[in-house]
Amino acid sequence: MPNPTSASDALREATRLLLDDSFRTVLAQLEGPPEALTWRPDAPETNSLAGISMHALRSARSWLLVARGNPCG
């Protein structure tokens, strides 16, 4: 039978690595002149990089809270 602590530790480490990589990717996309963060394509219902980044970070926070058993924050 697998050791539950080892399985939990492995899952925690895999999650940490995935989140670290995801956050690094988001941060890399935000590098550049500050005005680029608020630029939006000339099309209806588009978002700026700042808006998309905030959505990604809030979504990650929400899923982390769900994973911890506290979906309401």
N, C-alpha and C. Protein backbone atom coordinates (compact mmCIF):
# COMPACT_ATOMS: atom_id res chain seq x y z
N MET A 1 0.85 -1.17 0.00
CA MET A 1 0.00 0.00 0.00
C MET A 1 0.90 1.25 0.00
N PRO A 2 0.57 2.26 -0.85
CA PRO A 2 1.40 3.47 -0.90
C PRO A 2 1.32 4.28 0.38
N ASN A 3 2.39 4.94 0.69
CA ASN A 3 2.45 5.79 1.86
C ASN A 3 1.68 7.08 1.57
N PRO A 4 0.58 7.39 2.33
CA PRO A 4 -0.21 8.58 2.04
C PRO A 4 0.58 9.87 2.15
N THR A 5 1.52 9.93 3.07
CA THR A 5 2.33 11.13 3.22
C THR A 5 3.17 11.35 1.97
N SER A 6 3.77 10.29 1.46
CA SER A 6 4.58 10.41 0.26
C SER A 6 3.73 10.83 -0.93
N ALA A 7 2.54 10.28 -1.05
CA ALA A 7 1.64 10.64 -2.15
C ALA A 7 1.20 12.10 -2.02
N SER A 8 0.88 12.53 -0.81
CA SER A 8 0.50 13.92 -0.58
C SER A 8 1.65 14.87 -0.88
N ASP A 9 2.83 14.49 -0.43
CA ASP A 9 4.01 15.32 -0.69
C ASP A 9 4.29 15.41 -2.19
N ALA A 10 4.15 14.29 -2.88
CA ALA A 10 4.40 14.28 -4.33
C ALA A 10 3.38 15.15 -5.06
N LEU A 11 2.12 15.07 -4.67
CA LEU A 11 1.09 15.89 -5.28
C LEU A 11 1.33 17.38 -5.00
N ARG A 12 1.68 17.68 -3.77
CA ARG A 12 1.96 19.06 -3.39
C ARG A 12 3.14 19.63 -4.21
N GLU A 13 4.19 18.84 -4.36
CA GLU A 13 5.36 19.29 -5.12
C GLU A 13 5.02 19.44 -6.60
N ALA A 14 4.26 18.52 -7.15
CA ALA A 14 3.87 18.62 -8.57
C ALA A 14 3.01 19.87 -8.79
N THR A 15 2.11 20.15 -7.86
CA THR A 15 1.27 21.34 -7.95
C THR A 15 2.11 22.60 -7.87
N ARG A 16 3.06 22.63 -6.95
CA ARG A 16 3.94 23.78 -6.80
C ARG A 16 4.72 24.04 -8.09
N LEU A 17 5.26 22.99 -8.68
CA LEU A 17 6.03 23.14 -9.91
C LEU A 17 5.15 23.66 -11.05
N LEU A 18 3.94 23.13 -11.15
CA LEU A 18 3.01 23.57 -12.20
C LEU A 18 2.65 25.04 -12.02
N LEU A 19 2.34 25.44 -10.79
CA LEU A 19 1.98 26.83 -10.53
C LEU A 19 3.17 27.76 -10.75
N ASP A 20 4.35 27.35 -10.30
CA ASP A 20 5.54 28.17 -10.52
C ASP A 20 5.75 28.42 -12.01
N ASP A 21 5.63 27.37 -12.81
CA ASP A 21 5.81 27.51 -14.26
C ASP A 21 4.73 28.40 -14.86
N SER A 22 3.49 28.22 -14.43
CA SER A 22 2.39 29.03 -14.95
C SER A 22 2.57 30.49 -14.60
N PHE A 23 2.91 30.79 -13.35
CA PHE A 23 3.09 32.18 -12.95
C PHE A 23 4.29 32.82 -13.65
N ARG A 24 5.35 32.05 -13.86
CA ARG A 24 6.50 32.58 -14.60
C ARG A 24 6.09 32.94 -16.03
N THR A 25 5.25 32.12 -16.64
CA THR A 25 4.78 32.39 -18.00
C THR A 25 3.94 33.67 -18.04
N VAL A 26 3.05 33.83 -17.07
CA VAL A 26 2.23 35.05 -17.01
C VAL A 26 3.13 36.26 -16.82
N LEU A 27 4.08 36.20 -15.91
CA LEU A 27 4.97 37.33 -15.67
C LEU A 27 5.81 37.66 -16.90
N ALA A 28 6.25 36.67 -17.63
CA ALA A 28 7.05 36.91 -18.84
C ALA A 28 6.23 37.66 -19.89
N GLN A 29 4.95 37.38 -19.96
CA GLN A 29 4.08 38.06 -20.93
C GLN A 29 3.85 39.52 -20.55
N LEU A 30 4.08 39.86 -19.30
CA LEU A 30 3.84 41.23 -18.83
C LEU A 30 5.06 42.12 -18.94
N GLU A 31 6.20 41.57 -19.35
CA GLU A 31 7.40 42.38 -19.50
C GLU A 31 7.24 43.30 -20.70
N GLY A 32 7.73 44.51 -20.55
CA GLY A 32 7.64 45.48 -21.64
C GLY A 32 7.19 46.81 -21.11
N PRO A 33 6.92 47.74 -22.01
CA PRO A 33 6.51 49.07 -21.56
C PRO A 33 5.16 49.02 -20.85
N PRO A 34 4.98 49.82 -19.80
CA PRO A 34 3.74 49.79 -19.02
C PRO A 34 2.48 50.03 -19.86
N GLU A 35 2.58 50.87 -20.88
CA GLU A 35 1.39 51.15 -21.69
C GLU A 35 0.91 49.92 -22.47
N ALA A 36 1.79 48.96 -22.65
CA ALA A 36 1.39 47.73 -23.35
C ALA A 36 0.41 46.91 -22.51
N LEU A 37 0.42 47.10 -21.20
CA LEU A 37 -0.47 46.33 -20.33
C LEU A 37 -1.94 46.70 -20.52
N THR A 38 -2.20 47.94 -20.91
CA THR A 38 -3.59 48.38 -21.04
C THR A 38 -4.06 48.42 -22.49
N TRP A 39 -3.19 48.12 -23.45
CA TRP A 39 -3.59 48.11 -24.85
C TRP A 39 -4.58 46.97 -25.09
N ARG A 40 -5.59 47.27 -25.89
CA ARG A 40 -6.57 46.24 -26.26
C ARG A 40 -6.70 46.19 -27.77
N PRO A 41 -6.86 45.01 -28.33
CA PRO A 41 -7.09 44.92 -29.78
C PRO A 41 -8.37 45.68 -30.13
N ASP A 42 -8.43 46.20 -31.35
CA ASP A 42 -9.59 46.96 -31.80
C ASP A 42 -10.68 45.99 -32.26
N ALA A 43 -11.24 45.31 -31.31
CA ALA A 43 -12.31 44.34 -31.58
C ALA A 43 -13.21 44.30 -30.35
N PRO A 44 -14.49 44.01 -30.57
CA PRO A 44 -15.40 43.97 -29.41
C PRO A 44 -15.05 42.82 -28.46
N GLU A 45 -15.34 43.07 -27.21
CA GLU A 45 -15.19 42.06 -26.16
C GLU A 45 -13.78 41.50 -26.03
N THR A 46 -12.78 42.37 -26.16
CA THR A 46 -11.40 41.94 -25.94
C THR A 46 -10.91 42.49 -24.61
N ASN A 47 -9.83 41.94 -24.12
CA ASN A 47 -9.27 42.37 -22.85
C ASN A 47 -7.81 42.74 -23.01
N SER A 48 -7.34 43.58 -22.12
CA SER A 48 -5.93 43.96 -22.10
C SER A 48 -5.13 42.83 -21.42
N LEU A 49 -3.80 42.91 -21.56
CA LEU A 49 -2.95 41.95 -20.86
C LEU A 49 -3.14 42.05 -19.35
N ALA A 50 -3.33 43.26 -18.86
CA ALA A 50 -3.55 43.44 -17.42
C ALA A 50 -4.83 42.72 -16.99
N GLY A 51 -5.90 42.86 -17.77
CA GLY A 51 -7.16 42.20 -17.44
C GLY A 51 -7.06 40.68 -17.49
N ILE A 52 -6.40 40.19 -18.52
CA ILE A 52 -6.23 38.73 -18.66
C ILE A 52 -5.38 38.18 -17.52
N SER A 53 -4.33 38.92 -17.17
CA SER A 53 -3.45 38.48 -16.07
C SER A 53 -4.19 38.44 -14.74
N MET A 54 -4.98 39.47 -14.48
CA MET A 54 -5.76 39.49 -13.23
C MET A 54 -6.74 38.32 -13.18
N HIS A 55 -7.36 38.03 -14.31
CA HIS A 55 -8.27 36.89 -14.35
C HIS A 55 -7.53 35.59 -14.05
N ALA A 56 -6.36 35.41 -14.66
CA ALA A 56 -5.58 34.19 -14.44
C ALA A 56 -5.18 34.04 -12.98
N LEU A 57 -4.74 35.13 -12.37
CA LEU A 57 -4.31 35.07 -10.96
C LEU A 57 -5.49 34.83 -10.02
N ARG A 58 -6.62 35.49 -10.28
CA ARG A 58 -7.81 35.26 -9.44
C ARG A 58 -8.33 33.84 -9.60
N SER A 59 -8.29 33.34 -10.82
CA SER A 59 -8.74 31.97 -11.06
C SER A 59 -7.84 30.97 -10.33
N ALA A 60 -6.53 31.18 -10.40
CA ALA A 60 -5.59 30.29 -9.69
C ALA A 60 -5.85 30.33 -8.19
N ARG A 61 -6.09 31.52 -7.66
CA ARG A 61 -6.37 31.65 -6.22
C ARG A 61 -7.64 30.90 -5.86
N SER A 62 -8.68 31.05 -6.68
CA SER A 62 -9.94 30.36 -6.41
C SER A 62 -9.76 28.85 -6.39
N TRP A 63 -9.02 28.32 -7.37
CA TRP A 63 -8.81 26.87 -7.41
C TRP A 63 -7.95 26.39 -6.25
N LEU A 64 -6.99 27.19 -5.84
CA LEU A 64 -6.21 26.81 -4.66
C LEU A 64 -7.06 26.76 -3.40
N LEU A 65 -7.99 27.72 -3.27
CA LEU A 65 -8.89 27.70 -2.11
C LEU A 65 -9.80 26.48 -2.16
N VAL A 66 -10.30 26.13 -3.34
CA VAL A 66 -11.13 24.92 -3.46
C VAL A 66 -10.32 23.70 -3.07
N ALA A 67 -9.08 23.63 -3.54
CA ALA A 67 -8.22 22.48 -3.22
C ALA A 67 -7.95 22.37 -1.72
N ARG A 68 -7.95 23.50 -1.04
CA ARG A 68 -7.72 23.50 0.41
C ARG A 68 -9.02 23.28 1.18
N GLY A 69 -10.13 23.15 0.46
CA GLY A 69 -11.42 22.90 1.13
C GLY A 69 -12.10 24.17 1.60
N ASN A 70 -11.71 25.31 1.05
CA ASN A 70 -12.29 26.59 1.45
C ASN A 70 -12.68 27.39 0.20
N PRO A 71 -13.73 26.95 -0.53
CA PRO A 71 -14.05 27.59 -1.81
C PRO A 71 -14.55 29.03 -1.69
N CYS A 72 -14.93 29.49 -0.51
CA CYS A 72 -15.43 30.85 -0.38
C CYS A 72 -14.34 31.85 -0.06
N GLY A 73 -13.15 31.40 0.21
CA GLY A 73 -12.06 32.31 0.55
C GLY A 73 -12.09 32.59 1.99
